[in-house]
Amino acid sequence: MQIYSWYRAGVVDDLHALVEARLRRVEQRYTPGRRALVDALAEADRPLTTAELMAATGPRLPQSTTYRNLSVLEQAGVARIVFGTDEYSRFELSEELTGRHHHHLVCLSCGAVEDVEAPSPVEQSLAEAMRKLPISTGFRPETHRLDLIGTCATCAR
């Protein structure tokens, strides 16, 4: 697994403090199991399935506990769910915690989900569209997600 530079750069303690504060807001504790999940998500270079998270955290977290903890982390705004084209949900840390805005490449064949950062002109176009689209609806967008659906390089071979 690739460790993101923001994670390697010594902000791990700050990350854990932010997670603990978010959990406190929803009246939850920052248990060792939840900390292990946060560490696994922070070290990942892409969204992870529950099975991948269980493998990354070792035998200490049974499947039912992992699902419950992921639900709590999602409710607290620590993790977010990413849907692929297969039956597996994937999870990643929220952008508010990482400060890393990105999108996803989703493979129709194998269901793989990869992170991708859009070039600046693309992000600027999306921001402009966000400003223009809600004028007629009254909707107030805060952010955006972009999933590109297609075929990954491995499946295209």
C-alpha atoms as a PDB file:
ATOM      1  CA  MET A   1       0.000   0.000   0.000  1.00  0.00           C
ATOM      2  CA  GLN A   2       1.104   3.519  -0.770  1.00  0.00           C
ATOM      3  CA  ILE A   3       1.061   5.870   2.193  1.00  0.00           C
ATOM      4  CA  TYR A   4      -0.167   9.303   1.155  1.00  0.00           C
ATOM      5  CA  SER A   5       2.270  12.139   1.734  1.00  0.00           C
ATOM      6  CA  TRP A   6      -0.247  13.924   3.972  1.00  0.00           C
ATOM      7  CA  TYR A   7      -0.342  10.830   6.189  1.00  0.00           C
ATOM      8  CA  ARG A   8       3.414  10.337   6.181  1.00  0.00           C
ATOM      9  CA  ALA A   9       4.071  14.012   6.848  1.00  0.00           C
ATOM     10  CA  GLY A  10       3.409  13.733  10.565  1.00  0.00           C
ATOM     11  CA  VAL A  11      -0.243  14.727  10.670  1.00  0.00           C
ATOM     12  CA  VAL A  12      -1.267  11.316  12.006  1.00  0.00           C
ATOM     13  CA  ASP A  13      -1.808  12.661  15.515  1.00  0.00           C
ATOM     14  CA  ASP A  14      -3.883  15.521  14.105  1.00  0.00           C
ATOM     15  CA  LEU A  15      -5.904  13.014  12.075  1.00  0.00           C
ATOM     16  CA  HIS A  16      -6.628  10.946  15.155  1.00  0.00           C
ATOM     17  CA  ALA A  17      -7.568  14.072  17.143  1.00  0.00           C
ATOM     18  CA  LEU A  18      -9.990  15.123  14.377  1.00  0.00           C
ATOM     19  CA  VAL A  19     -11.506  11.631  14.235  1.00  0.00           C
ATOM     20  CA  GLU A  20     -11.914  11.537  17.997  1.00  0.00           C
ATOM     21  CA  ALA A  21     -13.644  14.946  17.961  1.00  0.00           C
ATOM     22  CA  ARG A  22     -16.025  13.880  15.176  1.00  0.00           C
ATOM     23  CA  LEU A  23     -16.901  10.688  17.026  1.00  0.00           C
ATOM     24  CA  ARG A  24     -17.533  12.640  20.219  1.00  0.00           C
ATOM     25  CA  ARG A  25     -20.017  14.841  18.324  1.00  0.00           C
ATOM     26  CA  VAL A  26     -22.127  11.753  17.591  1.00  0.00           C
ATOM     27  CA  GLU A  27     -21.609  10.447  21.129  1.00  0.00           C
ATOM     28  CA  GLN A  28     -19.267   7.625  20.134  1.00  0.00           C
ATOM     29  CA  ARG A  29     -15.872   6.591  21.500  1.00  0.00           C
ATOM     30  CA  TYR A  30     -12.674   6.262  19.502  1.00  0.00           C
ATOM     31  CA  THR A  31     -12.059   2.598  20.208  1.00  0.00           C
ATOM     32  CA  PRO A  32      -8.920   0.657  19.229  1.00  0.00           C
ATOM     33  CA  GLY A  33     -10.920  -1.092  16.490  1.00  0.00           C
ATOM     34  CA  ARG A  34     -12.057   2.205  14.990  1.00  0.00           C
ATOM     35  CA  ARG A  35      -8.507   3.542  15.209  1.00  0.00           C
ATOM     36  CA  ALA A  36      -7.254   0.466  13.339  1.00  0.00           C
ATOM     37  CA  LEU A  37      -9.826   1.085  10.592  1.00  0.00           C
ATOM     38  CA  VAL A  38      -8.857   4.762  10.345  1.00  0.00           C
ATOM     39  CA  ASP A  39      -5.181   3.798  10.078  1.00  0.00           C
ATOM     40  CA  ALA A  40      -5.961   1.266   7.332  1.00  0.00           C
ATOM     41  CA  LEU A  41      -8.024   3.836   5.416  1.00  0.00           C
ATOM     42  CA  ALA A  42      -5.309   6.477   5.817  1.00  0.00           C
ATOM     43  CA  GLU A  43      -2.629   4.136   4.479  1.00  0.00           C
ATOM     44  CA  ALA A  44      -4.654   3.014   1.459  1.00  0.00           C
ATOM     45  CA  ASP A  45      -4.129   4.479  -1.999  1.00  0.00           C
ATOM     46  CA  ARG A  46      -7.726   3.729  -3.026  1.00  0.00           C
ATOM     47  CA  PRO A  47     -11.096   2.953  -1.431  1.00  0.00           C
ATOM     48  CA  LEU A  48     -11.076  -0.420   0.361  1.00  0.00           C
ATOM     49  CA  THR A  49     -13.717  -3.133   0.631  1.00  0.00           C
ATOM     50  CA  THR A  50     -14.733  -4.467   4.020  1.00  0.00           C
ATOM     51  CA  ALA A  51     -12.751  -7.640   3.334  1.00  0.00           C
ATOM     52  CA  GLU A  52      -9.647  -5.590   2.523  1.00  0.00           C
ATOM     53  CA  LEU A  53     -10.110  -3.562   5.699  1.00  0.00           C
ATOM     54  CA  MET A  54     -10.472  -6.724   7.767  1.00  0.00           C
ATOM     55  CA  ALA A  55      -7.248  -8.078   6.257  1.00  0.00           C
ATOM     56  CA  ALA A  56      -5.465  -4.780   6.936  1.00  0.00           C
ATOM     57  CA  THR A  57      -6.549  -4.611  10.581  1.00  0.00           C
ATOM     58  CA  GLY A  58      -5.732  -8.225  11.390  1.00  0.00           C
ATOM     59  CA  PRO A  59      -7.778 -10.775  13.279  1.00  0.00           C
ATOM     60  CA  ARG A  60      -8.852  -8.430  16.073  1.00  0.00           C
ATOM     61  CA  LEU A  61     -11.975  -7.173  14.258  1.00  0.00           C
ATOM     62  CA  PRO A  62     -14.703  -9.658  13.348  1.00  0.00           C
ATOM     63  CA  GLN A  63     -16.798  -8.902  10.277  1.00  0.00           C
ATOM     64  CA  SER A  64     -19.873  -7.765  12.226  1.00  0.00           C
ATOM     65  CA  THR A  65     -17.763  -5.367  14.326  1.00  0.00           C
ATOM     66  CA  THR A  66     -16.067  -4.027  11.204  1.00  0.00           C
ATOM     67  CA  TYR A  67     -19.449  -3.279   9.587  1.00  0.00           C
ATOM     68  CA  ARG A  68     -20.747  -1.580  12.749  1.00  0.00           C
ATOM     69  CA  ASN A  69     -17.576   0.484  13.143  1.00  0.00           C
ATOM     70  CA  LEU A  70     -17.642   1.563   9.488  1.00  0.00           C
ATOM     71  CA  SER A  71     -21.249   2.642   9.913  1.00  0.00           C
ATOM     72  CA  VAL A  72     -20.326   4.749  12.945  1.00  0.00           C
ATOM     73  CA  LEU A  73     -17.314   6.248  11.135  1.00  0.00           C
ATOM     74  CA  GLU A  74     -19.545   7.122   8.188  1.00  0.00           C
ATOM     75  CA  GLN A  75     -22.201   8.649  10.465  1.00  0.00           C
ATOM     76  CA  ALA A  76     -19.510  10.783  12.134  1.00  0.00           C
ATOM     77  CA  GLY A  77     -18.221  12.060   8.778  1.00  0.00           C
ATOM     78  CA  VAL A  78     -14.894  10.269   9.154  1.00  0.00           C
ATOM     79  CA  ALA A  79     -15.350   7.761   6.340  1.00  0.00           C
ATOM     80  CA  ARG A  80     -17.432   7.779   3.225  1.00  0.00           C
ATOM     81  CA  ILE A  81     -18.766   4.956   1.137  1.00  0.00           C
ATOM     82  CA  VAL A  82     -17.780   4.591  -2.507  1.00  0.00           C
ATOM     83  CA  PHE A  83     -19.902   2.409  -4.755  1.00  0.00           C
ATOM     84  CA  GLY A  84     -18.398   0.393  -7.556  1.00  0.00           C
ATOM     85  CA  THR A  85     -20.108  -1.659 -10.223  1.00  0.00           C
ATOM     86  CA  ASP A  86     -19.827  -4.897  -8.275  1.00  0.00           C
ATOM     87  CA  GLU A  87     -21.589  -5.966  -5.082  1.00  0.00           C
ATOM     88  CA  TYR A  88     -18.867  -4.584  -2.802  1.00  0.00           C
ATOM     89  CA  SER A  89     -19.009  -1.255  -1.054  1.00  0.00           C
ATOM     90  CA  ARG A  90     -15.710   0.463  -0.530  1.00  0.00           C
ATOM     91  CA  PHE A  91     -14.671   2.999   2.072  1.00  0.00           C
ATOM     92  CA  GLU A  92     -12.243   5.895   2.265  1.00  0.00           C
ATOM     93  CA  LEU A  93     -11.524   8.748   4.654  1.00  0.00           C
ATOM     94  CA  SER A  94     -13.596  11.854   4.050  1.00  0.00           C
ATOM     95  CA  GLU A  95     -11.995  14.617   2.044  1.00  0.00           C
ATOM     96  CA  GLU A  96     -12.498  17.019   4.950  1.00  0.00           C
ATOM     97  CA  LEU A  97     -10.032  14.955   6.981  1.00  0.00           C
ATOM     98  CA  THR A  98      -7.457  14.356   4.254  1.00  0.00           C
ATOM     99  CA  GLY A  99      -7.715  17.688   2.478  1.00  0.00           C
ATOM    100  CA  ARG A 100      -7.313  15.689  -0.744  1.00  0.00           C
ATOM    101  CA  HIS A 101     -10.069  16.241  -3.297  1.00  0.00           C
ATOM    102  CA  HIS A 102     -10.276  13.432  -5.837  1.00  0.00           C
ATOM    103  CA  HIS A 103     -12.589  11.377  -8.001  1.00  0.00           C
ATOM    104  CA  HIS A 104     -12.861   7.695  -8.929  1.00  0.00           C
ATOM    105  CA  LEU A 105     -12.288   5.420 -11.893  1.00  0.00           C
ATOM    106  CA  VAL A 106     -14.730   2.488 -11.672  1.00  0.00           C
ATOM    107  CA  CYS A 107     -14.233  -0.634 -13.811  1.00  0.00           C
ATOM    108  CA  LEU A 108     -17.358  -2.223 -15.284  1.00  0.00           C
ATOM    109  CA  SER A 109     -15.594  -5.574 -15.720  1.00  0.00           C
ATOM    110  CA  CYS A 110     -13.903  -6.287 -12.394  1.00  0.00           C
ATOM    111  CA  GLY A 111     -15.469  -3.613 -10.171  1.00  0.00           C
ATOM    112  CA  ALA A 112     -12.120  -2.080  -9.190  1.00  0.00           C
ATOM    113  CA  VAL A 113     -12.230   1.484  -7.920  1.00  0.00           C
ATOM    114  CA  GLU A 114      -9.187   3.745  -8.168  1.00  0.00           C
ATOM    115  CA  ASP A 115      -8.617   7.305  -7.023  1.00  0.00           C
ATOM    116  CA  VAL A 116      -7.858   9.925  -9.651  1.00  0.00           C
ATOM    117  CA  GLU A 117      -7.209  13.643  -9.353  1.00  0.00           C
ATOM    118  CA  ALA A 118      -8.740  15.724 -12.110  1.00  0.00           C
ATOM    119  CA  PRO A 119      -6.562  18.308 -13.832  1.00  0.00           C
ATOM    120  CA  SER A 120      -7.123  21.880 -12.674  1.00  0.00           C
ATOM    121  CA  PRO A 121      -9.074  22.946 -15.806  1.00  0.00           C
ATOM    122  CA  VAL A 122     -11.512  20.074 -15.275  1.00  0.00           C
ATOM    123  CA  GLU A 123     -12.031  21.049 -11.622  1.00  0.00           C
ATOM    124  CA  GLN A 124     -12.570  24.670 -12.685  1.00  0.00           C
ATOM    125  CA  SER A 125     -15.195  23.570 -15.231  1.00  0.00           C
ATOM    126  CA  LEU A 126     -16.973  21.494 -12.588  1.00  0.00           C
ATOM    127  CA  ALA A 127     -16.926  24.440 -10.160  1.00  0.00           C
ATOM    128  CA  GLU A 128     -18.408  26.699 -12.844  1.00  0.00           C
ATOM    129  CA  ALA A 129     -21.123  24.138 -13.607  1.00  0.00           C
ATOM    130  CA  MET A 130     -21.922  23.935  -9.888  1.00  0.00           C
ATOM    131  CA  ARG A 131     -22.441  27.708  -9.838  1.00  0.00           C
ATOM    132  CA  LYS A 132     -24.717  27.705 -12.908  1.00  0.00           C
ATOM    133  CA  LEU A 133     -26.859  24.577 -12.514  1.00  0.00           C
ATOM    134  CA  PRO A 134     -28.701  25.396  -9.288  1.00  0.00           C
ATOM    135  CA  ILE A 135     -29.963  28.795 -10.437  1.00  0.00           C
ATOM    136  CA  SER A 136     -33.270  27.399 -11.685  1.00  0.00           C
ATOM    137  CA  THR A 137     -33.736  24.814  -8.928  1.00  0.00           C
ATOM    138  CA  GLY A 138     -32.766  26.673  -5.778  1.00  0.00           C
ATOM    139  CA  PHE A 139     -30.415  23.822  -4.864  1.00  0.00           C
ATOM    140  CA  ARG A 140     -27.204  24.893  -3.088  1.00  0.00           C
ATOM    141  CA  PRO A 141     -24.310  22.567  -3.933  1.00  0.00           C
ATOM    142  CA  GLU A 142     -21.421  22.284  -1.499  1.00  0.00           C
ATOM    143  CA  THR A 143     -19.075  19.908  -3.293  1.00  0.00           C
ATOM    144  CA  HIS A 144     -19.077  17.326  -6.042  1.00  0.00           C
ATOM    145  CA  ARG A 145     -18.124  13.735  -6.762  1.00  0.00           C
ATOM    146  CA  LEU A 146     -17.204  12.414 -10.154  1.00  0.00           C
ATOM    147  CA  ASP A 147     -17.026   8.703 -10.920  1.00  0.00           C
ATOM    148  CA  LEU A 148     -15.788   7.745 -14.362  1.00  0.00           C
ATOM    149  CA  ILE A 149     -17.225   4.368 -15.336  1.00  0.00           C
ATOM    150  CA  GLY A 150     -15.321   2.268 -17.873  1.00  0.00           C
ATOM    151  CA  THR A 151     -12.764  -0.482 -18.218  1.00  0.00           C
ATOM    152  CA  CYS A 152      -9.521  -0.564 -16.238  1.00  0.00           C
ATOM    153  CA  ALA A 153      -6.172  -1.206 -17.940  1.00  0.00           C
ATOM    154  CA  THR A 154      -5.992  -4.762 -16.601  1.00  0.00           C
ATOM    155  CA  CYS A 155      -9.411  -5.747 -17.979  1.00  0.00           C
ATOM    156  CA  ALA A 156      -8.787  -3.939 -21.272  1.00  0.00           C
ATOM    157  CA  ARG A 157      -5.876  -6.280 -22.077  1.00  0.00           C
END
